[in-house]
Amino acid sequence: MDPQSALTAYDAFAPAYDDFTFQYQNERWTGRLLAKAEELGLEGNRLLDVGCGTGKSFIPMLDRGWEVTACDISPAMVEIAREKAGERATISVADMRELPRLGEFDLVWAVNDSVNYLLDTEELAAALSGMARNLSPSGVLLFDVNTLRVFRTFFCEENVVERGGRRLVWQGKGAAETVEPGSIGEATLAAEDDSMATHTHRQRHFTETELRDAIDAAGLTCLEVAGEQEGDLSTGVDEEVHTKAVYVSRLA
């Protein structure tokens, strides 16, 4: 497996990322996640956004008055995020597998399935340990991952988005009947007008056991696992129904 696959994919994806992901209601989604974290004891207003992309996951938090530090593995994504945020956020290039200590934060999150780009349990453990090192003593760590439902649909089908004067084509390479827990999904993304280099996305499905083991190994306690469906959260996850699983933890 290529350890730089996420960097390669997102540097190529950067020019079209906002167009392709326009359907995500980031203000609503981040609001749901914030409410869940507050329900489980979150206090304070210092956020570290890991895998921030073009800033869609932290711009709504700035607008809510949060102090934001953010990072992403892709320099191209970071450049766009900096253009959006200006002086309102501190943004750097960093690999979540080797996350430096960027401060002490009340909330550390990695959202919009960035964790799925980690392709084995060792990378997962390293990433969660790095995030844990950036938590304040009472801080909350939150991340989401794609469920089997996504790997059996999105990574096995063609999806076309027409926006911004271009046509973007996501072509899943899998077959739904062969997708098992722990599978790696693969898809290509192309712009028909050549405004973006065609590239490959690879994501790994993680089981709840693998995720809970990595949380424990990072010195964290899992507070709740919630399932997402159409932007709403409910306690517990049904991998055949929910599209994301949201894990909320704090230092043990």
C-alpha atoms as a PDB file:
ATOM      1  CA  MET A   1       0.000   0.000   0.000  1.00  0.00           C
ATOM      2  CA  ASP A   2       1.252   3.482  -0.889  1.00  0.00           C
ATOM      3  CA  PRO A   3       1.793   5.413   2.364  1.00  0.00           C
ATOM      4  CA  GLN A   4       1.429   8.666   0.435  1.00  0.00           C
ATOM      5  CA  SER A   5      -1.864   7.770  -1.271  1.00  0.00           C
ATOM      6  CA  ALA A   6      -3.880  10.362   0.686  1.00  0.00           C
ATOM      7  CA  LEU A   7      -1.370  13.117  -0.099  1.00  0.00           C
ATOM      8  CA  THR A   8      -1.375  12.238  -3.806  1.00  0.00           C
ATOM      9  CA  ALA A   9      -5.171  12.066  -3.928  1.00  0.00           C
ATOM     10  CA  TYR A  10      -5.870  15.310  -2.091  1.00  0.00           C
ATOM     11  CA  ASP A  11      -3.255  17.406  -3.831  1.00  0.00           C
ATOM     12  CA  ALA A  12      -4.926  16.390  -7.100  1.00  0.00           C
ATOM     13  CA  PHE A  13      -8.444  16.753  -5.611  1.00  0.00           C
ATOM     14  CA  ALA A  14      -7.899  20.267  -4.190  1.00  0.00           C
ATOM     15  CA  PRO A  15      -9.071  22.291  -7.239  1.00  0.00           C
ATOM     16  CA  ALA A  16     -12.416  20.442  -7.341  1.00  0.00           C
ATOM     17  CA  TYR A  17     -12.959  19.514  -3.688  1.00  0.00           C
ATOM     18  CA  ASP A  18     -15.461  22.247  -2.854  1.00  0.00           C
ATOM     19  CA  ASP A  19     -17.454  21.580  -6.018  1.00  0.00           C
ATOM     20  CA  PHE A  20     -17.582  17.819  -5.498  1.00  0.00           C
ATOM     21  CA  THR A  21     -18.543  18.045  -1.834  1.00  0.00           C
ATOM     22  CA  PHE A  22     -21.041  20.910  -2.121  1.00  0.00           C
ATOM     23  CA  GLN A  23     -23.883  18.629  -1.014  1.00  0.00           C
ATOM     24  CA  TYR A  24     -22.440  18.295   2.492  1.00  0.00           C
ATOM     25  CA  GLN A  25     -24.211  20.652   4.864  1.00  0.00           C
ATOM     26  CA  ASN A  26     -21.097  21.519   6.829  1.00  0.00           C
ATOM     27  CA  GLU A  27     -22.681  24.121   9.089  1.00  0.00           C
ATOM     28  CA  ARG A  28     -25.424  21.691  10.047  1.00  0.00           C
ATOM     29  CA  TRP A  29     -23.073  18.693  10.323  1.00  0.00           C
ATOM     30  CA  THR A  30     -20.484  20.461  12.454  1.00  0.00           C
ATOM     31  CA  GLY A  31     -23.331  21.766  14.607  1.00  0.00           C
ATOM     32  CA  ARG A  32     -24.551  18.206  15.202  1.00  0.00           C
ATOM     33  CA  LEU A  33     -21.027  17.069  16.105  1.00  0.00           C
ATOM     34  CA  LEU A  34     -20.461  20.020  18.417  1.00  0.00           C
ATOM     35  CA  ALA A  35     -23.779  19.392  20.173  1.00  0.00           C
ATOM     36  CA  LYS A  36     -22.839  15.732  20.698  1.00  0.00           C
ATOM     37  CA  ALA A  37     -19.445  16.691  22.157  1.00  0.00           C
ATOM     38  CA  GLU A  38     -21.086  19.243  24.482  1.00  0.00           C
ATOM     39  CA  GLU A  39     -23.647  16.641  25.551  1.00  0.00           C
ATOM     40  CA  LEU A  40     -20.702  14.456  26.611  1.00  0.00           C
ATOM     41  CA  GLY A  41     -18.992  17.162  28.632  1.00  0.00           C
ATOM     42  CA  LEU A  42     -17.089  19.395  26.214  1.00  0.00           C
ATOM     43  CA  GLU A  43     -16.157  22.819  27.607  1.00  0.00           C
ATOM     44  CA  GLY A  44     -13.983  25.569  26.122  1.00  0.00           C
ATOM     45  CA  ASN A  45     -13.512  26.899  22.595  1.00  0.00           C
ATOM     46  CA  ARG A  46     -10.101  25.762  21.325  1.00  0.00           C
ATOM     47  CA  LEU A  47     -10.319  23.438  18.302  1.00  0.00           C
ATOM     48  CA  LEU A  48      -7.685  21.396  16.493  1.00  0.00           C
ATOM     49  CA  ASP A  49      -9.065  20.235  13.141  1.00  0.00           C
ATOM     50  CA  VAL A  50      -6.982  17.326  11.829  1.00  0.00           C
ATOM     51  CA  GLY A  51      -7.360  16.644   8.103  1.00  0.00           C
ATOM     52  CA  CYS A  52      -9.066  19.989   7.586  1.00  0.00           C
ATOM     53  CA  GLY A  53      -9.071  19.932   3.781  1.00  0.00           C
ATOM     54  CA  THR A  54     -10.149  23.264   2.299  1.00  0.00           C
ATOM     55  CA  GLY A  55     -11.568  24.432   5.623  1.00  0.00           C
ATOM     56  CA  LYS A  56     -15.156  23.251   5.282  1.00  0.00           C
ATOM     57  CA  SER A  57     -14.985  21.547   8.670  1.00  0.00           C
ATOM     58  CA  PHE A  58     -13.627  24.526  10.606  1.00  0.00           C
ATOM     59  CA  ILE A  59     -15.059  27.650   8.923  1.00  0.00           C
ATOM     60  CA  PRO A  60     -18.419  27.113  10.706  1.00  0.00           C
ATOM     61  CA  MET A  61     -16.502  26.827  13.993  1.00  0.00           C
ATOM     62  CA  LEU A  62     -14.765  30.151  13.388  1.00  0.00           C
ATOM     63  CA  ASP A  63     -18.176  31.659  12.799  1.00  0.00           C
ATOM     64  CA  ARG A  64     -19.261  30.248  16.175  1.00  0.00           C
ATOM     65  CA  GLY A  65     -16.393  32.074  17.884  1.00  0.00           C
ATOM     66  CA  TRP A  66     -13.955  29.188  18.247  1.00  0.00           C
ATOM     67  CA  GLU A  67     -10.177  29.561  18.244  1.00  0.00           C
ATOM     68  CA  VAL A  68      -9.028  27.245  15.459  1.00  0.00           C
ATOM     69  CA  THR A  69      -5.783  25.487  14.653  1.00  0.00           C
ATOM     70  CA  ALA A  70      -5.959  23.162  11.661  1.00  0.00           C
ATOM     71  CA  CYS A  71      -3.754  20.911   9.584  1.00  0.00           C
ATOM     72  CA  ASP A  72      -3.865  18.701   6.518  1.00  0.00           C
ATOM     73  CA  ILE A  73      -1.430  16.413   4.727  1.00  0.00           C
ATOM     74  CA  SER A  74      -2.024  18.209   1.414  1.00  0.00           C
ATOM     75  CA  PRO A  75      -0.228  21.523   0.783  1.00  0.00           C
ATOM     76  CA  ALA A  76      -2.746  22.297  -1.972  1.00  0.00           C
ATOM     77  CA  MET A  77      -5.666  21.870   0.429  1.00  0.00           C
ATOM     78  CA  VAL A  78      -3.916  23.967   3.085  1.00  0.00           C
ATOM     79  CA  GLU A  79      -3.358  26.793   0.609  1.00  0.00           C
ATOM     80  CA  ILE A  80      -7.087  26.964  -0.169  1.00  0.00           C
ATOM     81  CA  ALA A  81      -8.006  26.787   3.523  1.00  0.00           C
ATOM     82  CA  ARG A  82      -5.634  29.669   4.292  1.00  0.00           C
ATOM     83  CA  GLU A  83      -7.185  31.771   1.541  1.00  0.00           C
ATOM     84  CA  LYS A  84     -10.626  31.232   3.095  1.00  0.00           C
ATOM     85  CA  ALA A  85      -9.655  31.752   6.726  1.00  0.00           C
ATOM     86  CA  GLY A  86      -7.164  34.595   6.386  1.00  0.00           C
ATOM     87  CA  GLU A  87      -5.824  35.498   9.818  1.00  0.00           C
ATOM     88  CA  ARG A  88      -8.687  33.843  11.677  1.00  0.00           C
ATOM     89  CA  ALA A  89      -7.048  30.407  11.959  1.00  0.00           C
ATOM     90  CA  THR A  90      -3.586  28.884  12.254  1.00  0.00           C
ATOM     91  CA  ILE A  91      -3.196  26.278   9.505  1.00  0.00           C
ATOM     92  CA  SER A  92      -0.227  24.043   8.730  1.00  0.00           C
ATOM     93  CA  VAL A  93       0.782  21.016   6.667  1.00  0.00           C
ATOM     94  CA  ALA A  94       0.945  17.893   8.849  1.00  0.00           C
ATOM     95  CA  ASP A  95       0.450  14.144   8.449  1.00  0.00           C
ATOM     96  CA  MET A  96      -1.965  12.800  11.060  1.00  0.00           C
ATOM     97  CA  ARG A  97       0.166   9.656  11.325  1.00  0.00           C
ATOM     98  CA  GLU A  98       3.029  11.815  12.617  1.00  0.00           C
ATOM     99  CA  LEU A  99       1.040  14.607  14.220  1.00  0.00           C
ATOM    100  CA  PRO A 100       3.204  17.097  16.127  1.00  0.00           C
ATOM    101  CA  ARG A 101       2.029  18.727  19.327  1.00  0.00           C
ATOM    102  CA  LEU A 102       0.365  21.882  18.085  1.00  0.00           C
ATOM    103  CA  GLY A 103      -1.043  23.016  21.426  1.00  0.00           C
ATOM    104  CA  GLU A 104      -3.548  22.033  24.088  1.00  0.00           C
ATOM    105  CA  PHE A 105      -7.093  21.874  22.768  1.00  0.00           C
ATOM    106  CA  ASP A 106     -10.561  21.491  24.235  1.00  0.00           C
ATOM    107  CA  LEU A 107     -11.766  19.704  21.106  1.00  0.00           C
ATOM    108  CA  VAL A 108      -9.682  17.724  18.644  1.00  0.00           C
ATOM    109  CA  TRP A 109     -11.546  16.330  15.682  1.00  0.00           C
ATOM    110  CA  ALA A 110     -10.928  14.553  12.386  1.00  0.00           C
ATOM    111  CA  VAL A 111     -14.170  14.606  10.419  1.00  0.00           C
ATOM    112  CA  ASN A 112     -15.557  13.880   6.953  1.00  0.00           C
ATOM    113  CA  ASP A 113     -13.921  10.406   6.870  1.00  0.00           C
ATOM    114  CA  SER A 114     -10.281  11.538   6.893  1.00  0.00           C
ATOM    115  CA  VAL A 115      -9.481   8.638   9.266  1.00  0.00           C
ATOM    116  CA  ASN A 116     -10.536   6.152   6.572  1.00  0.00           C
ATOM    117  CA  TYR A 117      -7.493   7.171   4.511  1.00  0.00           C
ATOM    118  CA  LEU A 118      -5.363   5.395   7.122  1.00  0.00           C
ATOM    119  CA  LEU A 119      -4.835   2.012   5.537  1.00  0.00           C
ATOM    120  CA  ASP A 120      -3.957  -0.209   8.502  1.00  0.00           C
ATOM    121  CA  THR A 121      -4.445  -0.419  12.245  1.00  0.00           C
ATOM    122  CA  GLU A 122      -0.865   0.728  12.946  1.00  0.00           C
ATOM    123  CA  GLU A 123      -1.516   4.010  11.128  1.00  0.00           C
ATOM    124  CA  LEU A 124      -4.816   4.350  13.000  1.00  0.00           C
ATOM    125  CA  ALA A 125      -3.117   3.864  16.363  1.00  0.00           C
ATOM    126  CA  ALA A 126      -0.405   6.398  15.523  1.00  0.00           C
ATOM    127  CA  ALA A 127      -2.952   9.006  14.425  1.00  0.00           C
ATOM    128  CA  LEU A 128      -5.149   8.669  17.517  1.00  0.00           C
ATOM    129  CA  SER A 129      -2.105   8.796  19.798  1.00  0.00           C
ATOM    130  CA  GLY A 130      -1.021  12.046  18.144  1.00  0.00           C
ATOM    131  CA  MET A 131      -4.472  13.544  18.549  1.00  0.00           C
ATOM    132  CA  ALA A 132      -4.566  12.480  22.201  1.00  0.00           C
ATOM    133  CA  ARG A 133      -1.260  14.306  22.819  1.00  0.00           C
ATOM    134  CA  ASN A 134      -2.945  17.526  21.693  1.00  0.00           C
ATOM    135  CA  LEU A 135      -5.887  17.288  24.120  1.00  0.00           C
ATOM    136  CA  SER A 136      -6.263  19.391  27.223  1.00  0.00           C
ATOM    137  CA  PRO A 137      -6.727  17.262  30.372  1.00  0.00           C
ATOM    138  CA  SER A 138     -10.507  17.596  30.089  1.00  0.00           C
ATOM    139  CA  GLY A 139     -10.629  17.796  26.290  1.00  0.00           C
ATOM    140  CA  VAL A 140     -12.769  15.762  23.892  1.00  0.00           C
ATOM    141  CA  LEU A 141     -11.578  13.844  20.824  1.00  0.00           C
ATOM    142  CA  LEU A 142     -14.121  13.216  18.064  1.00  0.00           C
ATOM    143  CA  PHE A 143     -13.757  11.515  14.698  1.00  0.00           C
ATOM    144  CA  ASP A 144     -16.030   9.923  12.126  1.00  0.00           C
ATOM    145  CA  VAL A 145     -15.538   6.956   9.794  1.00  0.00           C
ATOM    146  CA  ASN A 146     -17.466   5.558   6.857  1.00  0.00           C
ATOM    147  CA  THR A 147     -19.546   2.431   7.472  1.00  0.00           C
ATOM    148  CA  LEU A 148     -19.854  -0.743   5.412  1.00  0.00           C
ATOM    149  CA  ARG A 149     -22.889   0.807   3.749  1.00  0.00           C
ATOM    150  CA  VAL A 150     -20.655   3.452   2.154  1.00  0.00           C
ATOM    151  CA  PHE A 151     -18.058   0.914   1.059  1.00  0.00           C
ATOM    152  CA  ARG A 152     -20.804  -1.214  -0.523  1.00  0.00           C
ATOM    153  CA  THR A 153     -22.382   1.739  -2.345  1.00  0.00           C
ATOM    154  CA  PHE A 154     -20.177   4.783  -2.924  1.00  0.00           C
ATOM    155  CA  PHE A 155     -17.027   2.713  -3.549  1.00  0.00           C
ATOM    156  CA  CYS A 156     -18.902   0.342  -5.871  1.00  0.00           C
ATOM    157  CA  GLU A 157     -20.866   2.820  -7.995  1.00  0.00           C
ATOM    158  CA  GLU A 158     -20.520   5.768 -10.347  1.00  0.00           C
ATOM    159  CA  ASN A 159     -21.459   9.177  -8.961  1.00  0.00           C
ATOM    160  CA  VAL A 160     -21.545  12.300 -11.129  1.00  0.00           C
ATOM    161  CA  VAL A 161     -21.546  15.874  -9.844  1.00  0.00           C
ATOM    162  CA  GLU A 162     -22.095  18.826 -12.180  1.00  0.00           C
ATOM    163  CA  ARG A 163     -21.167  22.128 -10.579  1.00  0.00           C
ATOM    164  CA  GLY A 164     -19.031  25.144 -11.256  1.00  0.00           C
ATOM    165  CA  GLY A 165     -19.238  24.556 -14.973  1.00  0.00           C
ATOM    166  CA  ARG A 166     -17.644  21.126 -14.864  1.00  0.00           C
ATOM    167  CA  ARG A 167     -18.638  17.477 -14.640  1.00  0.00           C
ATOM    168  CA  LEU A 168     -16.894  15.387 -11.988  1.00  0.00           C
ATOM    169  CA  VAL A 169     -17.093  11.600 -12.194  1.00  0.00           C
ATOM    170  CA  TRP A 170     -16.431   9.327  -9.215  1.00  0.00           C
ATOM    171  CA  GLN A 171     -16.060   5.697 -10.316  1.00  0.00           C
ATOM    172  CA  GLY A 172     -16.065   3.078  -7.602  1.00  0.00           C
ATOM    173  CA  LYS A 173     -13.967   0.020  -8.378  1.00  0.00           C
ATOM    174  CA  GLY A 174     -15.437  -2.463  -5.916  1.00  0.00           C
ATOM    175  CA  ALA A 175     -18.209  -5.044  -6.029  1.00  0.00           C
ATOM    176  CA  ALA A 176     -20.680  -4.781  -3.165  1.00  0.00           C
ATOM    177  CA  GLU A 177     -20.926  -8.521  -2.632  1.00  0.00           C
ATOM    178  CA  THR A 178     -17.182  -8.795  -1.937  1.00  0.00           C
ATOM    179  CA  VAL A 179     -16.938  -5.968   0.635  1.00  0.00           C
ATOM    180  CA  GLU A 180     -16.224  -7.330   4.105  1.00  0.00           C
ATOM    181  CA  PRO A 181     -15.294  -5.642   7.405  1.00  0.00           C
ATOM    182  CA  GLY A 182     -11.766  -4.306   7.108  1.00  0.00           C
ATOM    183  CA  SER A 183     -11.904  -4.059   3.314  1.00  0.00           C
ATOM    184  CA  ILE A 184     -10.117  -1.356   1.345  1.00  0.00           C
ATOM    185  CA  GLY A 185     -12.317   0.548  -1.083  1.00  0.00           C
ATOM    186  CA  GLU A 186     -10.935   2.185  -4.216  1.00  0.00           C
ATOM    187  CA  ALA A 187     -12.352   4.724  -6.649  1.00  0.00           C
ATOM    188  CA  THR A 188     -11.102   7.126  -9.291  1.00  0.00           C
ATOM    189  CA  LEU A 189     -12.163  10.749  -9.600  1.00  0.00           C
ATOM    190  CA  ALA A 190     -11.955  12.585 -12.911  1.00  0.00           C
ATOM    191  CA  ALA A 191     -13.017  15.954 -14.331  1.00  0.00           C
ATOM    192  CA  GLU A 192     -14.277  15.683 -17.887  1.00  0.00           C
ATOM    193  CA  ASP A 193     -12.822  19.109 -18.758  1.00  0.00           C
ATOM    194  CA  ASP A 194      -9.323  18.115 -17.537  1.00  0.00           C
ATOM    195  CA  SER A 195      -9.396  20.869 -14.875  1.00  0.00           C
ATOM    196  CA  MET A 196      -8.231  18.259 -12.338  1.00  0.00           C
ATOM    197  CA  ALA A 197      -5.850  15.344 -12.734  1.00  0.00           C
ATOM    198  CA  THR A 198      -7.582  11.966 -12.613  1.00  0.00           C
ATOM    199  CA  HIS A 199      -6.573  10.249  -9.392  1.00  0.00           C
ATOM    200  CA  THR A 200      -7.352   7.337  -7.101  1.00  0.00           C
ATOM    201  CA  HIS A 201      -8.894   7.372  -3.616  1.00  0.00           C
ATOM    202  CA  ARG A 202      -8.297   4.452  -1.257  1.00  0.00           C
ATOM    203  CA  GLN A 203     -10.066   4.094   2.069  1.00  0.00           C
ATOM    204  CA  ARG A 204     -10.094   1.318   4.654  1.00  0.00           C
ATOM    205  CA  HIS A 205     -13.116   0.198   6.598  1.00  0.00           C
ATOM    206  CA  PHE A 206     -12.395  -0.140  10.312  1.00  0.00           C
ATOM    207  CA  THR A 207     -14.458  -2.364  12.568  1.00  0.00           C
ATOM    208  CA  GLU A 208     -15.748  -1.121  15.908  1.00  0.00           C
ATOM    209  CA  THR A 209     -13.371  -3.506  17.668  1.00  0.00           C
ATOM    210  CA  GLU A 210     -10.365  -2.105  15.779  1.00  0.00           C
ATOM    211  CA  LEU A 211     -11.415   1.452  16.528  1.00  0.00           C
ATOM    212  CA  ARG A 212     -12.066   0.815  20.217  1.00  0.00           C
ATOM    213  CA  ASP A 213      -8.719  -0.997  20.549  1.00  0.00           C
ATOM    214  CA  ALA A 214      -6.904   1.979  18.962  1.00  0.00           C
ATOM    215  CA  ILE A 215      -8.756   4.403  21.250  1.00  0.00           C
ATOM    216  CA  ASP A 216      -7.707   2.383  24.288  1.00  0.00           C
ATOM    217  CA  ALA A 217      -4.101   2.124  23.061  1.00  0.00           C
ATOM    218  CA  ALA A 218      -3.959   5.918  22.705  1.00  0.00           C
ATOM    219  CA  GLY A 219      -4.780   6.324  26.404  1.00  0.00           C
ATOM    220  CA  LEU A 220      -8.368   7.362  25.743  1.00  0.00           C
ATOM    221  CA  THR A 221     -11.770   6.293  27.007  1.00  0.00           C
ATOM    222  CA  CYS A 222     -14.595   5.977  24.482  1.00  0.00           C
ATOM    223  CA  LEU A 223     -17.598   7.951  25.712  1.00  0.00           C
ATOM    224  CA  GLU A 224     -20.051   7.113  22.939  1.00  0.00           C
ATOM    225  CA  VAL A 225     -20.382   5.730  19.430  1.00  0.00           C
ATOM    226  CA  ALA A 226     -23.131   7.343  17.360  1.00  0.00           C
ATOM    227  CA  GLY A 227     -24.503   6.533  13.921  1.00  0.00           C
ATOM    228  CA  GLU A 228     -25.198   9.182  11.266  1.00  0.00           C
ATOM    229  CA  GLN A 229     -28.074   9.097   8.803  1.00  0.00           C
ATOM    230  CA  GLU A 230     -28.997  12.105   6.649  1.00  0.00           C
ATOM    231  CA  GLY A 231     -27.078  14.422   8.972  1.00  0.00           C
ATOM    232  CA  ASP A 232     -28.696  13.274  12.210  1.00  0.00           C
ATOM    233  CA  LEU A 233     -27.040  11.266  14.994  1.00  0.00           C
ATOM    234  CA  SER A 234     -28.384   8.399  17.054  1.00  0.00           C
ATOM    235  CA  THR A 235     -26.721   6.302  19.754  1.00  0.00           C
ATOM    236  CA  GLY A 236     -25.180   3.103  18.402  1.00  0.00           C
ATOM    237  CA  VAL A 237     -24.259   2.173  14.843  1.00  0.00           C
ATOM    238  CA  ASP A 238     -25.953  -0.105  12.323  1.00  0.00           C
ATOM    239  CA  GLU A 239     -23.386  -0.591   9.550  1.00  0.00           C
ATOM    240  CA  GLU A 240     -26.126  -1.488   7.079  1.00  0.00           C
ATOM    241  CA  VAL A 241     -28.199   1.633   7.803  1.00  0.00           C
ATOM    242  CA  HIS A 242     -25.918   4.441   8.955  1.00  0.00           C
ATOM    243  CA  THR A 243     -23.411   6.045   6.595  1.00  0.00           C
ATOM    244  CA  LYS A 244     -20.985   7.227   9.279  1.00  0.00           C
ATOM    245  CA  ALA A 245     -19.973   6.165  12.744  1.00  0.00           C
ATOM    246  CA  VAL A 246     -18.930   8.949  15.125  1.00  0.00           C
ATOM    247  CA  TYR A 247     -16.587   8.139  18.021  1.00  0.00           C
ATOM    248  CA  VAL A 248     -16.269  10.501  20.978  1.00  0.00           C
ATOM    249  CA  SER A 249     -13.486   9.989  23.542  1.00  0.00           C
ATOM    250  CA  ARG A 250     -11.487  11.719  26.245  1.00  0.00           C
ATOM    251  CA  LEU A 251      -8.247  11.009  28.073  1.00  0.00           C
ATOM    252  CA  ALA A 252      -8.480   8.010  30.378  1.00  0.00           C
END
